[in-house]
Amino acid sequence: EKFENMVICLDGELGSGKTVFTKG
């Protein structure tokens, strides 16, 4: 459902899945 200029802000402790989400 992406659109131009989409901003997704991720927070959570180290190893919680932020980079995994980005990989997806």
PDB file of all heavy atoms in Angstrom:
ATOM      1  N   GLU A   1       0.824  -1.210   0.000  1.00  0.00           N
ATOM      2  CA  GLU A   1       0.000   0.000   0.000  1.00  0.00           C
ATOM      3  C   GLU A   1       0.864   1.269   0.000  1.00  0.00           C
ATOM      4  O   GLU A   1       0.426   2.337   0.412  1.00  0.00           O
ATOM      5  CB  GLU A   1      -0.922   0.008   1.226  1.00  0.00           C
ATOM      6  CG  GLU A   1      -1.878  -1.163   1.295  1.00  0.00           C
ATOM      7  CD  GLU A   1      -2.939  -1.130   0.209  1.00  0.00           C
ATOM      8  OE1 GLU A   1      -3.363  -0.029  -0.193  1.00  0.00           O
ATOM      9  OE2 GLU A   1      -3.331  -2.221  -0.250  1.00  0.00           O
ATOM     10  N   LYS A   2       2.095   1.137  -0.454  1.00  0.00           N
ATOM     11  CA  LYS A   2       3.069   2.241  -0.393  1.00  0.00           C
ATOM     12  C   LYS A   2       2.616   3.469  -1.172  1.00  0.00           C
ATOM     13  O   LYS A   2       1.769   3.376  -2.052  1.00  0.00           O
ATOM     14  CB  LYS A   2       4.416   1.772  -0.927  1.00  0.00           C
ATOM     15  CG  LYS A   2       4.417   1.461  -2.408  1.00  0.00           C
ATOM     16  CD  LYS A   2       5.724   0.851  -2.833  1.00  0.00           C
ATOM     17  CE  LYS A   2       5.670   0.316  -4.239  1.00  0.00           C
ATOM     18  NZ  LYS A   2       4.722  -0.758  -4.450  1.00  0.00           N
ATOM     19  N   PHE A   3       3.182   4.597  -0.817  1.00  0.00           N
ATOM     20  CA  PHE A   3       2.971   5.839  -1.543  1.00  0.00           C
ATOM     21  C   PHE A   3       4.224   6.691  -1.413  1.00  0.00           C
ATOM     22  O   PHE A   3       5.041   6.487  -0.508  1.00  0.00           O
ATOM     23  CB  PHE A   3       1.731   6.592  -1.042  1.00  0.00           C
ATOM     24  CG  PHE A   3       1.680   6.791   0.451  1.00  0.00           C
ATOM     25  CD1 PHE A   3       2.303   7.879   1.058  1.00  0.00           C
ATOM     26  CD2 PHE A   3       0.985   5.882   1.258  1.00  0.00           C
ATOM     27  CE1 PHE A   3       2.240   8.065   2.426  1.00  0.00           C
ATOM     28  CE2 PHE A   3       0.916   6.070   2.630  1.00  0.00           C
ATOM     29  CZ  PHE A   3       1.547   7.156   3.218  1.00  0.00           C
ATOM     30  N   GLU A   4       4.404   7.618  -2.342  1.00  0.00           N
ATOM     31  CA  GLU A   4       5.576   8.489  -2.315  1.00  0.00           C
ATOM     32  C   GLU A   4       5.630   9.278  -1.017  1.00  0.00           C
ATOM     33  O   GLU A   4       4.597   9.703  -0.496  1.00  0.00           O
ATOM     34  CB  GLU A   4       5.560   9.450  -3.503  1.00  0.00           C
ATOM     35  CG  GLU A   4       5.876   8.797  -4.808  1.00  0.00           C
ATOM     36  CD  GLU A   4       6.020   9.789  -5.944  1.00  0.00           C
ATOM     37  OE1 GLU A   4       5.862  11.017  -5.729  1.00  0.00           O
ATOM     38  OE2 GLU A   4       6.289   9.337  -7.068  1.00  0.00           O
ATOM     39  N   ASN A   5       6.827   9.468  -0.526  1.00  0.00           N
ATOM     40  CA  ASN A   5       7.094  10.242   0.692  1.00  0.00           C
ATOM     41  C   ASN A   5       6.515   9.603   1.952  1.00  0.00           C
ATOM     42  O   ASN A   5       6.238  10.299   2.925  1.00  0.00           O
ATOM     43  CB  ASN A   5       6.629  11.693   0.534  1.00  0.00           C
ATOM     44  CG  ASN A   5       7.306  12.367  -0.634  1.00  0.00           C
ATOM     45  OD1 ASN A   5       8.497  12.174  -0.868  1.00  0.00           O
ATOM     46  ND2 ASN A   5       6.569  13.150  -1.391  1.00  0.00           N
ATOM     47  N   MET A   6       6.352   8.289   1.929  1.00  0.00           N
ATOM     48  CA  MET A   6       5.910   7.553   3.111  1.00  0.00           C
ATOM     49  C   MET A   6       7.042   7.587   4.145  1.00  0.00           C
ATOM     50  O   MET A   6       8.200   7.364   3.803  1.00  0.00           O
ATOM     51  CB  MET A   6       5.586   6.104   2.722  1.00  0.00           C
ATOM     52  CG  MET A   6       5.236   5.203   3.883  1.00  0.00           C
ATOM     53  SD  MET A   6       5.055   3.474   3.338  1.00  0.00           S
ATOM     54  CE  MET A   6       3.324   3.456   2.978  1.00  0.00           C
ATOM     55  N   VAL A   7       6.698   7.890   5.384  1.00  0.00           N
ATOM     56  CA  VAL A   7       7.680   7.919   6.472  1.00  0.00           C
ATOM     57  C   VAL A   7       7.234   6.926   7.543  1.00  0.00           C
ATOM     58  O   VAL A   7       6.127   7.041   8.078  1.00  0.00           O
ATOM     59  CB  VAL A   7       7.833   9.332   7.076  1.00  0.00           C
ATOM     60  CG1 VAL A   7       8.822   9.312   8.238  1.00  0.00           C
ATOM     61  CG2 VAL A   7       8.287  10.325   6.005  1.00  0.00           C
ATOM     62  N   ILE A   8       8.110   5.962   7.826  1.00  0.00           N
ATOM     63  CA  ILE A   8       7.841   4.951   8.837  1.00  0.00           C
ATOM     64  C   ILE A   8       8.895   5.079   9.925  1.00  0.00           C
ATOM     65  O   ILE A   8      10.093   4.988   9.659  1.00  0.00           O
ATOM     66  CB  ILE A   8       7.858   3.532   8.236  1.00  0.00           C
ATOM     67  CG1 ILE A   8       6.822   3.433   7.113  1.00  0.00           C
ATOM     68  CG2 ILE A   8       7.596   2.485   9.327  1.00  0.00           C
ATOM     69  CD1 ILE A   8       6.847   2.110   6.368  1.00  0.00           C
ATOM     70  N   CYS A   9       8.446   5.319  11.141  1.00  0.00           N
ATOM     71  CA  CYS A   9       9.330   5.531  12.285  1.00  0.00           C
ATOM     72  C   CYS A   9       9.306   4.288  13.173  1.00  0.00           C
ATOM     73  O   CYS A   9       8.251   3.893  13.655  1.00  0.00           O
ATOM     74  CB  CYS A   9       8.865   6.749  13.083  1.00  0.00           C
ATOM     75  SG  CYS A   9       8.846   8.261  12.100  1.00  0.00           S
ATOM     76  N   LEU A  10      10.471   3.691  13.370  1.00  0.00           N
ATOM     77  CA  LEU A  10      10.580   2.457  14.141  1.00  0.00           C
ATOM     78  C   LEU A  10      11.309   2.706  15.454  1.00  0.00           C
ATOM     79  O   LEU A  10      12.335   3.384  15.470  1.00  0.00           O
ATOM     80  CB  LEU A  10      11.341   1.393  13.341  1.00  0.00           C
ATOM     81  CG  LEU A  10      10.855   1.110  11.922  1.00  0.00           C
ATOM     82  CD1 LEU A  10      11.741   0.062  11.267  1.00  0.00           C
ATOM     83  CD2 LEU A  10       9.401   0.675  11.910  1.00  0.00           C
ATOM     84  N   ASP A  11      10.775   2.151  16.521  1.00  0.00           N
ATOM     85  CA  ASP A  11      11.428   2.235  17.825  1.00  0.00           C
ATOM     86  C   ASP A  11      11.304   0.896  18.531  1.00  0.00           C
ATOM     87  O   ASP A  11      10.381   0.129  18.262  1.00  0.00           O
ATOM     88  CB  ASP A  11      10.803   3.346  18.684  1.00  0.00           C
ATOM     89  CG  ASP A  11      11.327   4.714  18.295  1.00  0.00           C
ATOM     90  OD1 ASP A  11      12.544   4.945  18.457  1.00  0.00           O
ATOM     91  OD2 ASP A  11      10.529   5.539  17.808  1.00  0.00           O
ATOM     92  N   GLY A  12      12.228   0.647  19.415  1.00  0.00           N
ATOM     93  CA  GLY A  12      12.252  -0.596  20.172  1.00  0.00           C
ATOM     94  C   GLY A  12      13.689  -0.910  20.551  1.00  0.00           C
ATOM     95  O   GLY A  12      14.624  -0.406  19.937  1.00  0.00           O
ATOM     96  N   GLU A  13      13.837  -1.748  21.536  1.00  0.00           N
ATOM     97  CA  GLU A  13      15.180  -2.053  22.017  1.00  0.00           C
ATOM     98  C   GLU A  13      16.000  -2.767  20.942  1.00  0.00           C
ATOM     99  O   GLU A  13      15.470  -3.250  19.943  1.00  0.00           O
ATOM    100  CB  GLU A  13      15.107  -2.878  23.300  1.00  0.00           C
ATOM    101  CG  GLU A  13      14.487  -4.247  23.118  1.00  0.00           C
ATOM    102  CD  GLU A  13      14.319  -4.979  24.444  1.00  0.00           C
ATOM    103  OE1 GLU A  13      13.392  -4.628  25.201  1.00  0.00           O
ATOM    104  OE2 GLU A  13      15.112  -5.884  24.706  1.00  0.00           O
ATOM    105  N   LEU A  14      17.292  -2.821  21.165  1.00  0.00           N
ATOM    106  CA  LEU A  14      18.217  -3.499  20.270  1.00  0.00           C
ATOM    107  C   LEU A  14      17.758  -4.940  20.061  1.00  0.00           C
ATOM    108  O   LEU A  14      17.415  -5.630  21.018  1.00  0.00           O
ATOM    109  CB  LEU A  14      19.620  -3.472  20.882  1.00  0.00           C
ATOM    110  CG  LEU A  14      20.778  -3.838  19.979  1.00  0.00           C
ATOM    111  CD1 LEU A  14      20.893  -2.848  18.830  1.00  0.00           C
ATOM    112  CD2 LEU A  14      22.074  -3.834  20.781  1.00  0.00           C
ATOM    113  N   GLY A  15      17.705  -5.378  18.799  1.00  0.00           N
ATOM    114  CA  GLY A  15      17.311  -6.745  18.502  1.00  0.00           C
ATOM    115  C   GLY A  15      15.824  -7.008  18.527  1.00  0.00           C
ATOM    116  O   GLY A  15      15.390  -8.162  18.512  1.00  0.00           O
ATOM    117  N   SER A  16      15.014  -5.957  18.519  1.00  0.00           N
ATOM    118  CA  SER A  16      13.567  -6.152  18.616  1.00  0.00           C
ATOM    119  C   SER A  16      12.883  -6.361  17.269  1.00  0.00           C
ATOM    120  O   SER A  16      11.723  -6.751  17.227  1.00  0.00           O
ATOM    121  CB  SER A  16      12.919  -4.976  19.359  1.00  0.00           C
ATOM    122  OG  SER A  16      13.139  -3.764  18.676  1.00  0.00           O
ATOM    123  N   GLY A  17      13.584  -6.101  16.162  1.00  0.00           N
ATOM    124  CA  GLY A  17      13.000  -6.368  14.849  1.00  0.00           C
ATOM    125  C   GLY A  17      12.937  -5.197  13.894  1.00  0.00           C
ATOM    126  O   GLY A  17      12.356  -5.312  12.814  1.00  0.00           O
ATOM    127  N   LYS A  18      13.523  -4.080  14.256  1.00  0.00           N
ATOM    128  CA  LYS A  18      13.453  -2.885  13.406  1.00  0.00           C
ATOM    129  C   LYS A  18      14.102  -3.132  12.039  1.00  0.00           C
ATOM    130  O   LYS A  18      13.509  -2.832  11.005  1.00  0.00           O
ATOM    131  CB  LYS A  18      14.113  -1.697  14.109  1.00  0.00           C
ATOM    132  CG  LYS A  18      13.439  -1.307  15.416  1.00  0.00           C
ATOM    133  CD  LYS A  18      14.115  -0.127  16.105  1.00  0.00           C
ATOM    134  CE  LYS A  18      15.539  -0.384  16.525  1.00  0.00           C
ATOM    135  NZ  LYS A  18      15.701  -1.400  17.577  1.00  0.00           N
ATOM    136  N   THR A  19      15.302  -3.674  12.035  1.00  0.00           N
ATOM    137  CA  THR A  19      16.000  -3.921  10.773  1.00  0.00           C
ATOM    138  C   THR A  19      15.343  -5.067  10.010  1.00  0.00           C
ATOM    139  O   THR A  19      15.288  -5.043   8.782  1.00  0.00           O
ATOM    140  CB  THR A  19      17.494  -4.183  11.018  1.00  0.00           C
ATOM    141  OG1 THR A  19      18.052  -3.057  11.721  1.00  0.00           O
ATOM    142  CG2 THR A  19      18.251  -4.349   9.707  1.00  0.00           C
ATOM    143  N   VAL A  20      14.811  -6.046  10.699  1.00  0.00           N
ATOM    144  CA  VAL A  20      14.081  -7.139  10.037  1.00  0.00           C
ATOM    145  C   VAL A  20      12.882  -6.566   9.274  1.00  0.00           C
ATOM    146  O   VAL A  20      12.625  -6.937   8.126  1.00  0.00           O
ATOM    147  CB  VAL A  20      13.627  -8.204  11.061  1.00  0.00           C
ATOM    148  CG1 VAL A  20      12.670  -9.201  10.425  1.00  0.00           C
ATOM    149  CG2 VAL A  20      14.824  -8.921  11.657  1.00  0.00           C
ATOM    150  N   PHE A  21      12.166  -5.642   9.898  1.00  0.00           N
ATOM    151  CA  PHE A  21      11.041  -4.982   9.241  1.00  0.00           C
ATOM    152  C   PHE A  21      11.529  -4.277   7.969  1.00  0.00           C
ATOM    153  O   PHE A  21      10.918  -4.398   6.904  1.00  0.00           O
ATOM    154  CB  PHE A  21      10.389  -3.974  10.191  1.00  0.00           C
ATOM    155  CG  PHE A  21       9.225  -3.241   9.592  1.00  0.00           C
ATOM    156  CD1 PHE A  21       7.930  -3.724   9.740  1.00  0.00           C
ATOM    157  CD2 PHE A  21       9.414  -2.063   8.881  1.00  0.00           C
ATOM    158  CE1 PHE A  21       6.852  -3.053   9.181  1.00  0.00           C
ATOM    159  CE2 PHE A  21       8.346  -1.391   8.315  1.00  0.00           C
ATOM    160  CZ  PHE A  21       7.059  -1.882   8.466  1.00  0.00           C
ATOM    161  N   THR A  22      12.632  -3.564   8.078  1.00  0.00           N
ATOM    162  CA  THR A  22      13.178  -2.833   6.932  1.00  0.00           C
ATOM    163  C   THR A  22      13.572  -3.796   5.815  1.00  0.00           C
ATOM    164  O   THR A  22      13.348  -3.519   4.638  1.00  0.00           O
ATOM    165  CB  THR A  22      14.373  -1.972   7.363  1.00  0.00           C
ATOM    166  OG1 THR A  22      13.960  -1.109   8.428  1.00  0.00           O
ATOM    167  CG2 THR A  22      14.903  -1.135   6.211  1.00  0.00           C
ATOM    168  N   LYS A  23      14.145  -4.937   6.174  1.00  0.00           N
ATOM    169  CA  LYS A  23      14.497  -5.951   5.176  1.00  0.00           C
ATOM    170  C   LYS A  23      13.252  -6.430   4.436  1.00  0.00           C
ATOM    171  O   LYS A  23      13.281  -6.626   3.220  1.00  0.00           O
ATOM    172  CB  LYS A  23      15.183  -7.147   5.846  1.00  0.00           C
ATOM    173  CG  LYS A  23      16.586  -6.864   6.289  1.00  0.00           C
ATOM    174  CD  LYS A  23      17.184  -8.085   6.983  1.00  0.00           C
ATOM    175  CE  LYS A  23      18.578  -7.768   7.494  1.00  0.00           C
ATOM    176  NZ  LYS A  23      19.208  -8.926   8.143  1.00  0.00           N
ATOM    177  N   GLY A  24      12.160  -6.622   5.158  1.00  0.00           N
ATOM    178  CA  GLY A  24      10.913  -7.039   4.530  1.00  0.00           C
ATOM    179  C   GLY A  24      10.395  -6.003   3.547  1.00  0.00           C
ATOM    180  O   GLY A  24       9.935  -6.337   2.448  1.00  0.00           O
TER     181      GLY A  24
END
